[in-house]
Amino acid sequence: MPMYKYYGLFSHDEDGVSVSFPDLKGCLTCGDDLKEAIEMAQDALGGYLLVSEMDNDDIPAPSPAKTIQVPEGNSLILVEVNTDNLREAV
């Protein structure tokens, strides 16, 4: 059961909340508010990792929170996904 946990960097501004995953280049999303951004982050992370699994790409190990630089005003939130659940939906 592939359960993944990666930290998302949540950047808050007047347009909403953007999300990036420091360990996963190109895994980006956003939401109108924090709740929506978290939901979108789960979708983006799950899709990114599921495609990586299907393509047999290397999946980097998640970085510990203490090693991730968090700019002032941003939040670091742990996002969890299970790609088995996503695979069943495909």
N, C-alpha and C. Protein backbone atom coordinates (compact mmCIF):
# COMPACT_ATOMS: atom_id res chain seq x y z
N MET A 1 0.86 -1.17 0.00
CA MET A 1 0.00 0.00 0.00
C MET A 1 0.90 1.23 0.00
N PRO A 2 1.12 1.85 -1.16
CA PRO A 2 2.00 3.02 -1.24
C PRO A 2 1.40 4.26 -0.59
N MET A 3 1.81 4.52 0.64
CA MET A 3 1.40 5.74 1.34
C MET A 3 2.58 6.69 1.30
N TYR A 4 2.34 7.88 0.81
CA TYR A 4 3.38 8.90 0.70
C TYR A 4 3.03 10.09 1.57
N LYS A 5 4.08 10.70 2.12
CA LYS A 5 3.93 11.91 2.93
C LYS A 5 5.01 12.89 2.51
N TYR A 6 4.60 14.02 1.94
CA TYR A 6 5.52 15.06 1.52
C TYR A 6 5.05 16.39 2.08
N TYR A 7 6.00 17.25 2.38
CA TYR A 7 5.66 18.58 2.84
C TYR A 7 5.37 19.48 1.65
N GLY A 8 4.25 20.18 1.75
CA GLY A 8 3.89 21.19 0.77
C GLY A 8 4.18 22.56 1.35
N LEU A 9 4.68 23.44 0.50
CA LEU A 9 4.95 24.82 0.89
C LEU A 9 3.75 25.64 0.41
N PHE A 10 3.01 26.20 1.35
CA PHE A 10 1.79 26.94 1.06
C PHE A 10 2.08 28.43 1.17
N SER A 11 1.89 29.13 0.06
CA SER A 11 2.17 30.56 -0.03
C SER A 11 0.85 31.32 -0.11
N HIS A 12 0.62 32.19 0.86
CA HIS A 12 -0.64 32.92 0.97
C HIS A 12 -0.48 34.33 0.38
N ASP A 13 -1.43 34.71 -0.48
CA ASP A 13 -1.47 36.09 -0.98
C ASP A 13 -2.92 36.48 -1.25
N GLU A 14 -3.12 37.67 -1.78
CA GLU A 14 -4.49 38.18 -1.96
C GLU A 14 -5.28 37.37 -3.00
N ASP A 15 -4.62 36.62 -3.87
CA ASP A 15 -5.31 35.82 -4.88
C ASP A 15 -5.67 34.43 -4.40
N GLY A 16 -5.17 34.01 -3.25
CA GLY A 16 -5.43 32.68 -2.73
C GLY A 16 -4.17 32.06 -2.16
N VAL A 17 -4.08 30.76 -2.31
CA VAL A 17 -2.96 30.01 -1.74
C VAL A 17 -2.34 29.15 -2.84
N SER A 18 -1.06 29.34 -3.08
CA SER A 18 -0.36 28.48 -4.04
C SER A 18 0.45 27.45 -3.26
N VAL A 19 0.64 26.29 -3.89
CA VAL A 19 1.30 25.18 -3.22
C VAL A 19 2.39 24.61 -4.14
N SER A 20 3.55 24.39 -3.56
CA SER A 20 4.62 23.68 -4.25
C SER A 20 5.16 22.61 -3.31
N PHE A 21 5.78 21.62 -3.91
CA PHE A 21 6.40 20.54 -3.14
C PHE A 21 7.90 20.62 -3.38
N PRO A 22 8.66 21.07 -2.39
CA PRO A 22 10.10 21.26 -2.58
C PRO A 22 10.85 20.04 -3.10
N ASP A 23 10.37 18.85 -2.79
CA ASP A 23 11.06 17.63 -3.21
C ASP A 23 10.65 17.14 -4.60
N LEU A 24 9.59 17.72 -5.15
CA LEU A 24 9.02 17.20 -6.40
C LEU A 24 8.91 18.32 -7.43
N LYS A 25 9.91 18.42 -8.28
CA LYS A 25 9.97 19.48 -9.28
C LYS A 25 8.74 19.45 -10.18
N GLY A 26 8.09 20.60 -10.28
CA GLY A 26 6.94 20.73 -11.16
C GLY A 26 5.61 20.31 -10.55
N CYS A 27 5.61 19.88 -9.31
CA CYS A 27 4.36 19.51 -8.64
C CYS A 27 3.82 20.76 -7.95
N LEU A 28 2.88 21.42 -8.63
CA LEU A 28 2.36 22.71 -8.19
C LEU A 28 0.84 22.71 -8.28
N THR A 29 0.21 23.52 -7.43
CA THR A 29 -1.24 23.70 -7.51
C THR A 29 -1.60 24.95 -6.71
N CYS A 30 -2.90 25.21 -6.60
CA CYS A 30 -3.35 26.38 -5.82
C CYS A 30 -4.80 26.19 -5.43
N GLY A 31 -5.27 27.08 -4.59
CA GLY A 31 -6.66 27.10 -4.17
C GLY A 31 -7.07 28.49 -3.75
N ASP A 32 -8.37 28.71 -3.69
CA ASP A 32 -8.88 30.03 -3.29
C ASP A 32 -8.63 30.33 -1.82
N ASP A 33 -8.60 29.27 -1.01
CA ASP A 33 -8.35 29.42 0.43
C ASP A 33 -7.54 28.20 0.89
N LEU A 34 -7.17 28.18 2.15
CA LEU A 34 -6.32 27.11 2.65
C LEU A 34 -6.97 25.74 2.52
N LYS A 35 -8.25 25.65 2.84
CA LYS A 35 -8.95 24.36 2.76
C LYS A 35 -8.90 23.82 1.34
N GLU A 36 -9.22 24.66 0.36
CA GLU A 36 -9.20 24.22 -1.03
C GLU A 36 -7.77 23.90 -1.48
N ALA A 37 -6.81 24.69 -1.03
CA ALA A 37 -5.41 24.45 -1.40
C ALA A 37 -4.93 23.10 -0.88
N ILE A 38 -5.34 22.71 0.31
CA ILE A 38 -4.96 21.41 0.86
C ILE A 38 -5.57 20.28 0.02
N GLU A 39 -6.83 20.43 -0.35
CA GLU A 39 -7.48 19.43 -1.20
C GLU A 39 -6.79 19.33 -2.55
N MET A 40 -6.48 20.48 -3.13
CA MET A 40 -5.80 20.49 -4.43
C MET A 40 -4.38 19.91 -4.30
N ALA A 41 -3.73 20.16 -3.17
CA ALA A 41 -2.39 19.61 -2.94
C ALA A 41 -2.43 18.09 -2.88
N GLN A 42 -3.45 17.53 -2.26
CA GLN A 42 -3.59 16.08 -2.22
C GLN A 42 -3.79 15.52 -3.62
N ASP A 43 -4.62 16.19 -4.42
CA ASP A 43 -4.85 15.75 -5.80
C ASP A 43 -3.57 15.84 -6.63
N ALA A 44 -2.88 16.97 -6.53
CA ALA A 44 -1.65 17.17 -7.31
C ALA A 44 -0.57 16.16 -6.91
N LEU A 45 -0.38 15.99 -5.61
CA LEU A 45 0.63 15.06 -5.12
C LEU A 45 0.30 13.64 -5.56
N GLY A 46 -0.95 13.25 -5.39
CA GLY A 46 -1.36 11.91 -5.78
C GLY A 46 -1.17 11.65 -7.27
N GLY A 47 -1.57 12.59 -8.09
CA GLY A 47 -1.41 12.43 -9.53
C GLY A 47 0.05 12.36 -9.94
N TYR A 48 0.85 13.24 -9.36
CA TYR A 48 2.29 13.26 -9.66
C TYR A 48 2.93 11.92 -9.32
N LEU A 49 2.64 11.41 -8.13
CA LEU A 49 3.26 10.17 -7.68
C LEU A 49 2.73 8.95 -8.42
N LEU A 50 1.44 8.95 -8.74
CA LEU A 50 0.86 7.84 -9.49
C LEU A 50 1.49 7.74 -10.88
N VAL A 51 1.62 8.86 -11.56
CA VAL A 51 2.27 8.85 -12.88
C VAL A 51 3.72 8.42 -12.75
N SER A 52 4.41 8.89 -11.71
CA SER A 52 5.80 8.48 -11.49
C SER A 52 5.91 6.98 -11.30
N GLU A 53 4.99 6.40 -10.53
CA GLU A 53 4.98 4.95 -10.33
C GLU A 53 4.74 4.22 -11.65
N MET A 54 3.74 4.67 -12.39
CA MET A 54 3.37 4.01 -13.64
C MET A 54 4.50 4.09 -14.68
N ASP A 55 5.26 5.18 -14.66
CA ASP A 55 6.38 5.37 -15.59
C ASP A 55 7.69 4.79 -15.04
N ASN A 56 7.64 4.19 -13.86
CA ASN A 56 8.83 3.65 -13.19
C ASN A 56 9.91 4.71 -12.98
N ASP A 57 9.48 5.94 -12.74
CA ASP A 57 10.42 7.03 -12.44
C ASP A 57 10.90 6.91 -11.00
N ASP A 58 12.09 7.41 -10.75
CA ASP A 58 12.58 7.48 -9.38
C ASP A 58 11.73 8.48 -8.60
N ILE A 59 11.34 8.10 -7.41
CA ILE A 59 10.58 8.99 -6.54
C ILE A 59 11.50 9.35 -5.38
N PRO A 60 11.83 10.64 -5.25
CA PRO A 60 12.76 11.05 -4.20
C PRO A 60 12.16 10.87 -2.81
N ALA A 61 13.03 10.61 -1.87
CA ALA A 61 12.59 10.52 -0.48
C ALA A 61 12.17 11.91 0.00
N PRO A 62 11.13 11.98 0.82
CA PRO A 62 10.72 13.28 1.33
C PRO A 62 11.75 13.86 2.30
N SER A 63 11.93 15.15 2.22
CA SER A 63 12.86 15.84 3.12
C SER A 63 12.23 16.03 4.49
N PRO A 64 13.04 15.97 5.54
CA PRO A 64 12.52 16.31 6.87
C PRO A 64 12.14 17.79 6.91
N ALA A 65 11.13 18.11 7.68
CA ALA A 65 10.64 19.49 7.76
C ALA A 65 11.75 20.47 8.13
N LYS A 66 12.64 20.08 9.03
CA LYS A 66 13.66 21.00 9.52
C LYS A 66 14.66 21.41 8.44
N THR A 67 14.71 20.66 7.32
CA THR A 67 15.65 21.00 6.26
C THR A 67 15.04 21.87 5.16
N ILE A 68 13.74 22.13 5.24
CA ILE A 68 13.05 22.91 4.21
C ILE A 68 12.97 24.37 4.65
N GLN A 69 13.46 25.26 3.80
CA GLN A 69 13.38 26.69 4.09
C GLN A 69 11.96 27.17 3.81
N VAL A 70 11.39 27.82 4.81
CA VAL A 70 10.03 28.33 4.69
C VAL A 70 10.09 29.85 4.74
N PRO A 71 9.81 30.50 3.62
CA PRO A 71 9.83 31.97 3.62
C PRO A 71 8.79 32.54 4.60
N GLU A 72 9.08 33.69 5.12
CA GLU A 72 8.17 34.34 6.06
C GLU A 72 6.79 34.50 5.43
N GLY A 73 5.76 34.18 6.20
CA GLY A 73 4.39 34.29 5.72
C GLY A 73 3.87 33.03 5.04
N ASN A 74 4.73 32.05 4.82
CA ASN A 74 4.32 30.79 4.20
C ASN A 74 4.12 29.72 5.28
N SER A 75 3.48 28.64 4.88
CA SER A 75 3.23 27.53 5.80
C SER A 75 3.78 26.24 5.20
N LEU A 76 4.26 25.36 6.05
CA LEU A 76 4.71 24.04 5.64
C LEU A 76 3.71 23.04 6.21
N ILE A 77 3.05 22.30 5.32
CA ILE A 77 2.00 21.39 5.74
C ILE A 77 2.29 20.00 5.16
N LEU A 78 2.19 18.98 5.99
CA LEU A 78 2.39 17.61 5.55
C LEU A 78 1.15 17.14 4.79
N VAL A 79 1.37 16.65 3.57
CA VAL A 79 0.28 16.17 2.71
C VAL A 79 0.48 14.67 2.51
N GLU A 80 -0.58 13.91 2.71
CA GLU A 80 -0.50 12.44 2.62
C GLU A 80 -1.42 11.94 1.52
N VAL A 81 -0.92 10.96 0.75
CA VAL A 81 -1.75 10.31 -0.26
C VAL A 81 -1.42 8.83 -0.31
N ASN A 82 -2.40 8.05 -0.71
CA ASN A 82 -2.22 6.61 -0.93
C ASN A 82 -2.50 6.37 -2.41
N THR A 83 -1.49 6.02 -3.17
CA THR A 83 -1.67 5.86 -4.60
C THR A 83 -2.50 4.62 -4.97
N ASP A 84 -2.62 3.66 -4.07
CA ASP A 84 -3.51 2.52 -4.34
C ASP A 84 -4.94 3.00 -4.48
N ASN A 85 -5.35 3.92 -3.62
CA ASN A 85 -6.71 4.46 -3.69
C ASN A 85 -6.94 5.18 -5.02
N LEU A 86 -5.92 5.89 -5.49
CA LEU A 86 -6.03 6.62 -6.75
C LEU A 86 -6.05 5.67 -7.94
N ARG A 87 -5.25 4.62 -7.86
CA ARG A 87 -5.16 3.65 -8.94
C ARG A 87 -6.52 2.97 -9.16
N GLU A 88 -7.24 2.72 -8.09
CA GLU A 88 -8.57 2.09 -8.20
C GLU A 88 -9.55 2.99 -8.94
N ALA A 89 -9.37 4.30 -8.84
CA ALA A 89 -10.27 5.25 -9.47
C ALA A 89 -9.98 5.42 -10.97
N VAL A 90 -8.78 4.98 -11.39
CA VAL A 90 -8.40 5.16 -12.81
C VAL A 90 -9.01 4.10 -13.67
